[in-house]
C-alpha atoms as a PDB file:
ATOM      1  CA  MET A   1     193.369-130.001 101.824  1.00  0.00           C
ATOM      2  CA  SER A   2     192.244-126.775 100.238  1.00  0.00           C
ATOM      3  CA  LEU A   3     193.335-123.385 101.427  1.00  0.00           C
ATOM      4  CA  ARG A   4     189.787-122.705 102.625  1.00  0.00           C
ATOM      5  CA  TYR A   5     189.734-125.686 104.984  1.00  0.00           C
ATOM      6  CA  PHE A   6     193.255-124.956 106.139  1.00  0.00           C
ATOM      7  CA  HIS A   7     192.160-121.435 107.036  1.00  0.00           C
ATOM      8  CA  ILE A   8     189.147-122.744 109.000  1.00  0.00           C
ATOM      9  CA  SER A   9     191.262-125.283 110.879  1.00  0.00           C
ATOM     10  CA  PHE A  10     193.819-122.573 111.668  1.00  0.00           C
ATOM     11  CA  ILE A  11     191.052-120.328 113.041  1.00  0.00           C
ATOM     12  CA  LEU A  12     189.753-123.180 115.203  1.00  0.00           C
ATOM     13  CA  LEU A  13     193.226-123.987 116.493  1.00  0.00           C
ATOM     14  CA  SER A  14     193.863-120.301 117.226  1.00  0.00           C
ATOM     15  CA  ALA A  15     190.602-119.993 119.162  1.00  0.00           C
ATOM     16  CA  LEU A  16     191.467-123.048 121.259  1.00  0.00           C
ATOM     17  CA  LEU A  17     194.975-121.754 121.901  1.00  0.00           C
ATOM     18  CA  CYS A  18     193.689-118.309 122.916  1.00  0.00           C
ATOM     19  CA  GLY A  19     191.193-119.903 125.290  1.00  0.00           C
ATOM     20  CA  GLY A  20     193.933-122.051 126.803  1.00  0.00           C
ATOM     21  CA  VAL A  21     196.260-119.106 127.280  1.00  0.00           C
ATOM     22  CA  ALA A  22     193.469-117.049 128.859  1.00  0.00           C
ATOM     23  CA  TRP A  23     192.638-119.894 131.248  1.00  0.00           C
ATOM     24  CA  TRP A  24     196.313-120.489 132.109  1.00  0.00           C
ATOM     25  CA  ASN A  25     196.909-116.780 132.693  1.00  0.00           C
ATOM     26  CA  SER A  26     193.895-116.480 134.996  1.00  0.00           C
ATOM     27  CA  GLU A  27     194.889-119.583 136.992  1.00  0.00           C
ATOM     28  CA  ASN A  28     198.407-118.253 137.580  1.00  0.00           C
ATOM     29  CA  GLN A  29     197.278-114.752 138.574  1.00  0.00           C
ATOM     30  CA  GLY A  30     198.794-113.289 135.435  1.00  0.00           C
ATOM     31  CA  ILE A  31     198.313-109.853 133.978  1.00  0.00           C
ATOM     32  CA  ALA A  32     194.565-109.188 133.780  1.00  0.00           C
ATOM     33  CA  PRO A  33     194.523-107.353 130.405  1.00  0.00           C
ATOM     34  CA  LEU A  34     196.216-110.349 128.785  1.00  0.00           C
ATOM     35  CA  THR A  35     193.578-112.664 130.209  1.00  0.00           C
ATOM     36  CA  TYR A  36     190.777-110.459 128.908  1.00  0.00           C
ATOM     37  CA  GLY A  37     192.458-109.970 125.542  1.00  0.00           C
ATOM     38  CA  PHE A  38     193.010-113.663 124.919  1.00  0.00           C
ATOM     39  CA  GLY A  39     189.524-114.449 126.201  1.00  0.00           C
ATOM     40  CA  ALA A  40     188.032-111.908 123.817  1.00  0.00           C
ATOM     41  CA  ALA A  41     190.047-113.331 120.923  1.00  0.00           C
ATOM     42  CA  ALA A  42     188.858-116.849 121.815  1.00  0.00           C
ATOM     43  CA  ALA A  43     185.263-115.604 121.753  1.00  0.00           C
ATOM     44  CA  ILE A  44     185.547-113.580 118.521  1.00  0.00           C
ATOM     45  CA  LEU A  45     187.509-116.040 116.367  1.00  0.00           C
ATOM     46  CA  PRO A  46     184.613-118.518 115.893  1.00  0.00           C
ATOM     47  CA  PHE A  47     182.411-115.669 114.635  1.00  0.00           C
ATOM     48  CA  TYR A  48     185.144-114.733 112.179  1.00  0.00           C
ATOM     49  CA  GLY A  49     185.302-118.371 111.078  1.00  0.00           C
ATOM     50  CA  VAL A  50     181.579-118.441 110.326  1.00  0.00           C
ATOM     51  CA  TRP A  51     181.841-115.130 108.487  1.00  0.00           C
ATOM     52  CA  PHE A  52     184.734-116.478 106.425  1.00  0.00           C
ATOM     53  CA  LEU A  53     182.823-119.658 105.551  1.00  0.00           C
ATOM     54  CA  ARG A  54     179.843-117.649 104.329  1.00  0.00           C
ATOM     55  CA  LYS A  55     182.005-115.290 102.307  1.00  0.00           C
ATOM     56  CA  SER A  56     184.178-118.005 100.763  1.00  0.00           C
ATOM     57  CA  ARG A  57     181.185-120.049  99.588  1.00  0.00           C
ATOM     58  CA  ASN A  58     180.711-117.657  96.677  1.00  0.00           C
ATOM     59  CA  LEU A  59     184.339-117.819  95.557  1.00  0.00           C
ATOM     60  CA  VAL A  60     185.369-120.073  92.726  1.00  0.00           C
END
């Protein structure tokens, strides 16, 4: 597995983990800023993944 695909899989795993933590925190009446922060990270990470794929296509 190349470093590029490892990076993409790590981004995907991180997005899923952030979404799970945000959901768990909201279900257990946790601290609201943590819920929003993890939710925002779960929403932004896929966009970063797409940006990284486009940028890394031109690398050797």
